[in-house]
Amino acid sequence: MPVNLWVNSITFLPPVTSPCPTRVDVVLQNRGTDIPLLKPGETVFYVKLWCPKQPPSFEPAELPVVPESLGPGKQLTLSFTIRFTLAGPTLVQAVPDSRSVVINWLPPRQTPPLIVPVTVGAVAWLWTAIDDIAIEDSSGRDYSVLGTSRLCPGSTFVVKAAVTNKGSATAQPSKTQLTISDTSGAVLAVTDQPTSMILPGVRQPVVFKGTVPKL
């Protein structure tokens, strides 16, 4: 007896922005009269989420489905997590049995397939990293102490950091904060540095300089 795999809906958990993770729920239903039967050696079939628009706005993703979970008339919700790499209007489609292992899926199939339009917003996504930690001597030269325990109280520290905009929108001017803590996690000092506007994909250096606090 045949199965009939049908995509009832594709919904997005807001906000839908690039490049932040986005949850997409796909409701799959078996409108046939039997459970899916698979090729010998197969235990699951797959549902693929992809972008039928060029260039694609996200990488395709697949999730497995156990045939016994989708008996006649039953529905199943599959939750995908994707990252849109492009902002703006795009299309999303779910393809049941994307690897063609179901042997009793007979016509008629879902025509036309469900293709859902969505507009992806653009946001800035800032990542910080510390490139080096140094101490400065009386002549103004700094020496790296990254990975050592040579930050003596009262000495002058230089922290060389960077802020990278991994998002799809320009980051407005802001502040980058450095927190100095002791080994128990108690905060000893907090200092800020202004960060100018950062375009998408740009890495901006930030340098902090101050006195190592006493414990």
C-alpha atoms as a PDB file:
ATOM      1  CA  MET A   1       0.000   0.000   0.000  1.00  0.00           C
ATOM      2  CA  PRO A   2       1.296   3.509  -0.774  1.00  0.00           C
ATOM      3  CA  VAL A   3       2.376   6.333   1.465  1.00  0.00           C
ATOM      4  CA  ASN A   4       1.930   9.983   0.583  1.00  0.00           C
ATOM      5  CA  LEU A   5       4.427  12.271   2.323  1.00  0.00           C
ATOM      6  CA  TRP A   6       3.100  15.810   2.514  1.00  0.00           C
ATOM      7  CA  VAL A   7       4.660  18.990   3.901  1.00  0.00           C
ATOM      8  CA  ASN A   8       1.805  20.732   5.710  1.00  0.00           C
ATOM      9  CA  SER A   9       3.697  23.815   6.876  1.00  0.00           C
ATOM     10  CA  ILE A  10       7.064  25.528   7.242  1.00  0.00           C
ATOM     11  CA  THR A  11       7.290  28.083  10.045  1.00  0.00           C
ATOM     12  CA  PHE A  12      10.103  30.231  11.429  1.00  0.00           C
ATOM     13  CA  LEU A  13      10.803  31.075  15.056  1.00  0.00           C
ATOM     14  CA  PRO A  14      11.483  34.841  15.104  1.00  0.00           C
ATOM     15  CA  PRO A  15      13.650  36.773  14.844  1.00  0.00           C
ATOM     16  CA  VAL A  16      14.823  35.631  11.413  1.00  0.00           C
ATOM     17  CA  THR A  17      18.156  37.369  10.933  1.00  0.00           C
ATOM     18  CA  SER A  18      21.477  36.774   9.232  1.00  0.00           C
ATOM     19  CA  PRO A  19      23.767  35.190  10.368  1.00  0.00           C
ATOM     20  CA  CYS A  20      22.199  34.220  13.711  1.00  0.00           C
ATOM     21  CA  PRO A  21      20.817  30.677  14.154  1.00  0.00           C
ATOM     22  CA  THR A  22      17.177  30.354  13.085  1.00  0.00           C
ATOM     23  CA  ARG A  23      14.790  27.578  14.056  1.00  0.00           C
ATOM     24  CA  VAL A  24      12.562  26.277  11.269  1.00  0.00           C
ATOM     25  CA  ASP A  25       9.707  23.873  12.067  1.00  0.00           C
ATOM     26  CA  VAL A  26       8.489  21.569   9.309  1.00  0.00           C
ATOM     27  CA  VAL A  27       5.225  19.652   9.786  1.00  0.00           C
ATOM     28  CA  LEU A  28       5.285  16.424   7.763  1.00  0.00           C
ATOM     29  CA  GLN A  29       2.185  14.249   7.312  1.00  0.00           C
ATOM     30  CA  ASN A  30       1.618  10.805   5.866  1.00  0.00           C
ATOM     31  CA  ARG A  31      -1.580  11.127   3.843  1.00  0.00           C
ATOM     32  CA  GLY A  32      -1.261   7.573   2.574  1.00  0.00           C
ATOM     33  CA  THR A  33      -2.567   4.243   3.845  1.00  0.00           C
ATOM     34  CA  ASP A  34       0.645   2.587   5.074  1.00  0.00           C
ATOM     35  CA  ILE A  35       3.887   3.380   6.887  1.00  0.00           C
ATOM     36  CA  PRO A  36       6.892   4.214   4.696  1.00  0.00           C
ATOM     37  CA  LEU A  37       8.728   1.108   3.492  1.00  0.00           C
ATOM     38  CA  LEU A  38      12.455   1.541   2.874  1.00  0.00           C
ATOM     39  CA  LYS A  39      15.077   0.001   0.636  1.00  0.00           C
ATOM     40  CA  PRO A  40      16.934  -2.985   2.159  1.00  0.00           C
ATOM     41  CA  GLY A  41      19.514  -1.908   4.723  1.00  0.00           C
ATOM     42  CA  GLU A  42      17.910   1.482   5.387  1.00  0.00           C
ATOM     43  CA  THR A  43      16.414   2.295   8.797  1.00  0.00           C
ATOM     44  CA  VAL A  44      15.426   5.948   8.340  1.00  0.00           C
ATOM     45  CA  PHE A  45      14.538   8.342   5.565  1.00  0.00           C
ATOM     46  CA  TYR A  46      15.511  12.013   5.473  1.00  0.00           C
ATOM     47  CA  VAL A  47      13.788  15.351   5.065  1.00  0.00           C
ATOM     48  CA  LYS A  48      15.925  18.097   3.542  1.00  0.00           C
ATOM     49  CA  LEU A  49      15.522  21.813   4.082  1.00  0.00           C
ATOM     50  CA  TRP A  50      17.022  23.837   1.254  1.00  0.00           C
ATOM     51  CA  CYS A  51      16.857  27.120  -0.628  1.00  0.00           C
ATOM     52  CA  PRO A  52      15.496  26.802  -4.200  1.00  0.00           C
ATOM     53  CA  LYS A  53      16.787  30.284  -5.013  1.00  0.00           C
ATOM     54  CA  GLN A  54      20.182  31.213  -6.457  1.00  0.00           C
ATOM     55  CA  PRO A  55      22.444  32.062  -4.820  1.00  0.00           C
ATOM     56  CA  PRO A  56      21.218  29.974  -1.870  1.00  0.00           C
ATOM     57  CA  SER A  57      20.792  31.914   1.365  1.00  0.00           C
ATOM     58  CA  PHE A  58      21.698  28.988   3.654  1.00  0.00           C
ATOM     59  CA  GLU A  59      23.372  25.589   3.612  1.00  0.00           C
ATOM     60  CA  PRO A  60      20.963  22.644   3.120  1.00  0.00           C
ATOM     61  CA  ALA A  61      20.144  20.633   6.242  1.00  0.00           C
ATOM     62  CA  GLU A  62      18.716  17.134   6.689  1.00  0.00           C
ATOM     63  CA  LEU A  63      16.947  15.386   9.566  1.00  0.00           C
ATOM     64  CA  PRO A  64      16.172  11.650   9.838  1.00  0.00           C
ATOM     65  CA  VAL A  65      12.678  10.198  10.237  1.00  0.00           C
ATOM     66  CA  VAL A  66      11.913   6.719  11.603  1.00  0.00           C
ATOM     67  CA  PRO A  67       9.196   5.192   9.371  1.00  0.00           C
ATOM     68  CA  GLU A  68       7.204   3.815  12.314  1.00  0.00           C
ATOM     69  CA  SER A  69       6.753   7.370  13.647  1.00  0.00           C
ATOM     70  CA  LEU A  70       4.744   8.347  10.570  1.00  0.00           C
ATOM     71  CA  GLY A  71       1.863   5.933  10.237  1.00  0.00           C
ATOM     72  CA  PRO A  72      -1.198   6.628   8.057  1.00  0.00           C
ATOM     73  CA  GLY A  73      -2.637  10.065   8.814  1.00  0.00           C
ATOM     74  CA  LYS A  74       0.022  10.935  11.384  1.00  0.00           C
ATOM     75  CA  GLN A  75       1.901  14.234  11.555  1.00  0.00           C
ATOM     76  CA  LEU A  76       5.464  14.843  12.694  1.00  0.00           C
ATOM     77  CA  THR A  77       7.180  18.160  13.468  1.00  0.00           C
ATOM     78  CA  LEU A  78      10.853  18.395  12.540  1.00  0.00           C
ATOM     79  CA  SER A  79      12.839  21.290  14.024  1.00  0.00           C
ATOM     80  CA  PHE A  80      15.794  22.458  11.921  1.00  0.00           C
ATOM     81  CA  THR A  81      18.408  25.017  12.948  1.00  0.00           C
ATOM     82  CA  ILE A  82      19.963  26.928  10.068  1.00  0.00           C
ATOM     83  CA  ARG A  83      22.010  30.082   9.545  1.00  0.00           C
ATOM     84  CA  PHE A  84      21.031  32.448   6.768  1.00  0.00           C
ATOM     85  CA  THR A  85      24.191  33.782   5.141  1.00  0.00           C
ATOM     86  CA  LEU A  86      22.358  36.440   3.131  1.00  0.00           C
ATOM     87  CA  ALA A  87      19.852  39.049   4.262  1.00  0.00           C
ATOM     88  CA  GLY A  88      16.763  40.003   2.256  1.00  0.00           C
ATOM     89  CA  PRO A  89      13.902  38.034   0.664  1.00  0.00           C
ATOM     90  CA  THR A  90      14.496  34.338   0.059  1.00  0.00           C
ATOM     91  CA  LEU A  91      12.702  30.992  -0.307  1.00  0.00           C
ATOM     92  CA  VAL A  92      12.675  27.848   1.840  1.00  0.00           C
ATOM     93  CA  GLN A  93      11.511  24.383   0.790  1.00  0.00           C
ATOM     94  CA  ALA A  94      11.318  21.052   2.632  1.00  0.00           C
ATOM     95  CA  VAL A  95      11.878  17.888   0.572  1.00  0.00           C
ATOM     96  CA  PRO A  96      10.620  14.584   2.060  1.00  0.00           C
ATOM     97  CA  ASP A  97      12.667  11.462   1.324  1.00  0.00           C
ATOM     98  CA  SER A  98      15.555  13.540   0.000  1.00  0.00           C
ATOM     99  CA  ARG A  99      17.737  10.425  -0.436  1.00  0.00           C
ATOM    100  CA  SER A 100      15.030   8.425  -2.285  1.00  0.00           C
ATOM    101  CA  VAL A 101      14.907   5.399   0.012  1.00  0.00           C
ATOM    102  CA  VAL A 102      11.104   5.117   0.438  1.00  0.00           C
ATOM    103  CA  ILE A 103       9.902   2.436  -1.984  1.00  0.00           C
ATOM    104  CA  ASN A 104       6.129   2.710  -1.531  1.00  0.00           C
ATOM    105  CA  TRP A 105       5.691   6.439  -2.135  1.00  0.00           C
ATOM    106  CA  LEU A 106       3.544   6.426  -5.229  1.00  0.00           C
ATOM    107  CA  PRO A 107       1.889   9.240  -7.205  1.00  0.00           C
ATOM    108  CA  PRO A 108       0.194  11.585  -6.733  1.00  0.00           C
ATOM    109  CA  ARG A 109       2.904  13.539  -4.937  1.00  0.00           C
ATOM    110  CA  GLN A 110       2.541  17.023  -3.485  1.00  0.00           C
ATOM    111  CA  THR A 111       2.148  19.359  -6.463  1.00  0.00           C
ATOM    112  CA  PRO A 112       3.190  22.088  -6.405  1.00  0.00           C
ATOM    113  CA  PRO A 113       5.678  21.600  -3.541  1.00  0.00           C
ATOM    114  CA  LEU A 114       5.343  23.921  -0.570  1.00  0.00           C
ATOM    115  CA  ILE A 115       7.858  26.760  -0.970  1.00  0.00           C
ATOM    116  CA  VAL A 116       7.683  29.463   1.690  1.00  0.00           C
ATOM    117  CA  PRO A 117       8.958  33.027   1.209  1.00  0.00           C
ATOM    118  CA  VAL A 118      10.705  34.738   4.115  1.00  0.00           C
ATOM    119  CA  THR A 119      12.508  38.040   4.549  1.00  0.00           C
ATOM    120  CA  VAL A 120      15.769  37.724   6.462  1.00  0.00           C
ATOM    121  CA  GLY A 121      16.820  40.722   8.521  1.00  0.00           C
ATOM    122  CA  ALA A 122      20.385  42.006   8.731  1.00  0.00           C
ATOM    123  CA  VAL A 123      22.082  42.386  12.120  1.00  0.00           C
ATOM    124  CA  ALA A 124      25.564  43.066  13.394  1.00  0.00           C
ATOM    125  CA  TRP A 125      27.166  40.177  15.279  1.00  0.00           C
ATOM    126  CA  LEU A 126      30.235  41.173  17.271  1.00  0.00           C
ATOM    127  CA  TRP A 127      32.886  38.697  18.426  1.00  0.00           C
ATOM    128  CA  THR A 128      35.784  39.651  20.677  1.00  0.00           C
ATOM    129  CA  ALA A 129      39.181  38.002  21.006  1.00  0.00           C
ATOM    130  CA  ILE A 130      42.352  38.687  22.991  1.00  0.00           C
ATOM    131  CA  ASP A 131      45.428  38.509  20.780  1.00  0.00           C
ATOM    132  CA  ASP A 132      48.083  39.271  23.386  1.00  0.00           C
ATOM    133  CA  ILE A 133      48.647  40.295  27.003  1.00  0.00           C
ATOM    134  CA  ALA A 134      51.822  42.227  27.737  1.00  0.00           C
ATOM    135  CA  ILE A 135      53.552  44.250  30.434  1.00  0.00           C
ATOM    136  CA  GLU A 136      55.179  47.586  29.704  1.00  0.00           C
ATOM    137  CA  ASP A 137      58.605  48.539  31.040  1.00  0.00           C
ATOM    138  CA  SER A 138      59.815  51.999  32.035  1.00  0.00           C
ATOM    139  CA  SER A 139      60.933  52.757  28.479  1.00  0.00           C
ATOM    140  CA  GLY A 140      57.450  52.168  27.089  1.00  0.00           C
ATOM    141  CA  ARG A 141      58.263  48.852  25.428  1.00  0.00           C
ATOM    142  CA  ASP A 142      55.861  45.979  26.038  1.00  0.00           C
ATOM    143  CA  TYR A 143      56.675  42.296  26.468  1.00  0.00           C
ATOM    144  CA  SER A 144      54.190  39.489  25.955  1.00  0.00           C
ATOM    145  CA  VAL A 145      53.245  37.519  29.049  1.00  0.00           C
ATOM    146  CA  LEU A 146      50.385  35.580  27.457  1.00  0.00           C
ATOM    147  CA  GLY A 147      50.167  32.158  29.089  1.00  0.00           C
ATOM    148  CA  THR A 148      52.436  33.107  32.007  1.00  0.00           C
ATOM    149  CA  SER A 149      51.883  34.399  35.541  1.00  0.00           C
ATOM    150  CA  ARG A 150      54.056  37.510  35.215  1.00  0.00           C
ATOM    151  CA  LEU A 151      51.309  40.116  35.654  1.00  0.00           C
ATOM    152  CA  CYS A 152      52.612  41.588  38.891  1.00  0.00           C
ATOM    153  CA  PRO A 153      50.390  43.991  40.869  1.00  0.00           C
ATOM    154  CA  GLY A 154      51.330  47.585  40.144  1.00  0.00           C
ATOM    155  CA  SER A 155      52.875  46.869  36.744  1.00  0.00           C
ATOM    156  CA  THR A 156      51.501  48.372  33.548  1.00  0.00           C
ATOM    157  CA  PHE A 157      49.528  45.930  31.418  1.00  0.00           C
ATOM    158  CA  VAL A 158      48.746  46.138  27.710  1.00  0.00           C
ATOM    159  CA  VAL A 159      45.928  43.958  26.382  1.00  0.00           C
ATOM    160  CA  LYS A 160      45.732  43.723  22.603  1.00  0.00           C
ATOM    161  CA  ALA A 161      42.268  42.612  21.571  1.00  0.00           C
ATOM    162  CA  ALA A 162      40.056  42.746  18.500  1.00  0.00           C
ATOM    163  CA  VAL A 163      36.357  43.018  17.723  1.00  0.00           C
ATOM    164  CA  THR A 164      35.103  41.292  14.567  1.00  0.00           C
ATOM    165  CA  ASN A 165      31.714  41.918  12.984  1.00  0.00           C
ATOM    166  CA  LYS A 166      30.561  38.490  11.786  1.00  0.00           C
ATOM    167  CA  GLY A 167      27.087  39.801  11.033  1.00  0.00           C
ATOM    168  CA  SER A 168      25.454  41.148   7.887  1.00  0.00           C
ATOM    169  CA  ALA A 169      24.835  44.739   9.048  1.00  0.00           C
ATOM    170  CA  THR A 170      27.174  47.542  10.062  1.00  0.00           C
ATOM    171  CA  ALA A 171      27.823  47.730  13.807  1.00  0.00           C
ATOM    172  CA  GLN A 172      27.316  51.198  15.213  1.00  0.00           C
ATOM    173  CA  PRO A 173      29.896  52.814  17.531  1.00  0.00           C
ATOM    174  CA  SER A 174      29.962  51.132  20.923  1.00  0.00           C
ATOM    175  CA  LYS A 175      32.227  50.284  23.842  1.00  0.00           C
ATOM    176  CA  THR A 176      34.364  47.193  24.360  1.00  0.00           C
ATOM    177  CA  GLN A 177      34.818  46.211  27.993  1.00  0.00           C
ATOM    178  CA  LEU A 178      37.758  44.464  29.651  1.00  0.00           C
ATOM    179  CA  THR A 179      37.239  42.798  33.027  1.00  0.00           C
ATOM    180  CA  ILE A 180      40.168  41.757  35.221  1.00  0.00           C
ATOM    181  CA  SER A 181      39.450  39.041  37.790  1.00  0.00           C
ATOM    182  CA  ASP A 182      41.481  37.058  40.277  1.00  0.00           C
ATOM    183  CA  THR A 183      41.733  33.271  40.220  1.00  0.00           C
ATOM    184  CA  SER A 184      38.557  32.925  42.288  1.00  0.00           C
ATOM    185  CA  GLY A 185      36.547  34.995  39.822  1.00  0.00           C
ATOM    186  CA  ALA A 186      36.315  38.141  41.945  1.00  0.00           C
ATOM    187  CA  VAL A 187      36.331  41.257  39.760  1.00  0.00           C
ATOM    188  CA  LEU A 188      39.352  43.493  40.403  1.00  0.00           C
ATOM    189  CA  ALA A 189      38.924  46.090  37.667  1.00  0.00           C
ATOM    190  CA  VAL A 190      36.719  46.986  34.704  1.00  0.00           C
ATOM    191  CA  THR A 191      37.758  49.301  31.896  1.00  0.00           C
ATOM    192  CA  ASP A 192      36.151  50.381  28.609  1.00  0.00           C
ATOM    193  CA  GLN A 193      37.483  51.397  25.221  1.00  0.00           C
ATOM    194  CA  PRO A 194      35.416  53.109  22.517  1.00  0.00           C
ATOM    195  CA  THR A 195      34.852  51.024  19.396  1.00  0.00           C
ATOM    196  CA  SER A 196      34.075  52.821  16.166  1.00  0.00           C
ATOM    197  CA  MET A 197      31.638  51.685  13.472  1.00  0.00           C
ATOM    198  CA  ILE A 198      32.537  48.214  12.119  1.00  0.00           C
ATOM    199  CA  LEU A 199      31.480  47.027   8.675  1.00  0.00           C
ATOM    200  CA  PRO A 200      30.468  43.375   8.121  1.00  0.00           C
ATOM    201  CA  GLY A 201      33.506  41.111   7.973  1.00  0.00           C
ATOM    202  CA  VAL A 202      35.873  43.730   9.404  1.00  0.00           C
ATOM    203  CA  ARG A 203      38.190  43.053  12.371  1.00  0.00           C
ATOM    204  CA  GLN A 204      38.965  46.128  14.472  1.00  0.00           C
ATOM    205  CA  PRO A 205      41.897  46.164  16.932  1.00  0.00           C
ATOM    206  CA  VAL A 206      41.247  47.404  20.470  1.00  0.00           C
ATOM    207  CA  VAL A 207      44.050  48.112  22.954  1.00  0.00           C
ATOM    208  CA  PHE A 208      43.586  48.362  26.715  1.00  0.00           C
ATOM    209  CA  LYS A 209      46.290  49.827  28.943  1.00  0.00           C
ATOM    210  CA  GLY A 210      46.332  50.235  32.703  1.00  0.00           C
ATOM    211  CA  THR A 211      47.806  49.213  36.025  1.00  0.00           C
ATOM    212  CA  VAL A 212      47.539  45.647  37.274  1.00  0.00           C
ATOM    213  CA  PRO A 213      45.358  45.914  40.401  1.00  0.00           C
ATOM    214  CA  LYS A 214      46.546  44.687  43.753  1.00  0.00           C
ATOM    215  CA  LEU A 215      44.912  41.578  45.178  1.00  0.00           C
END
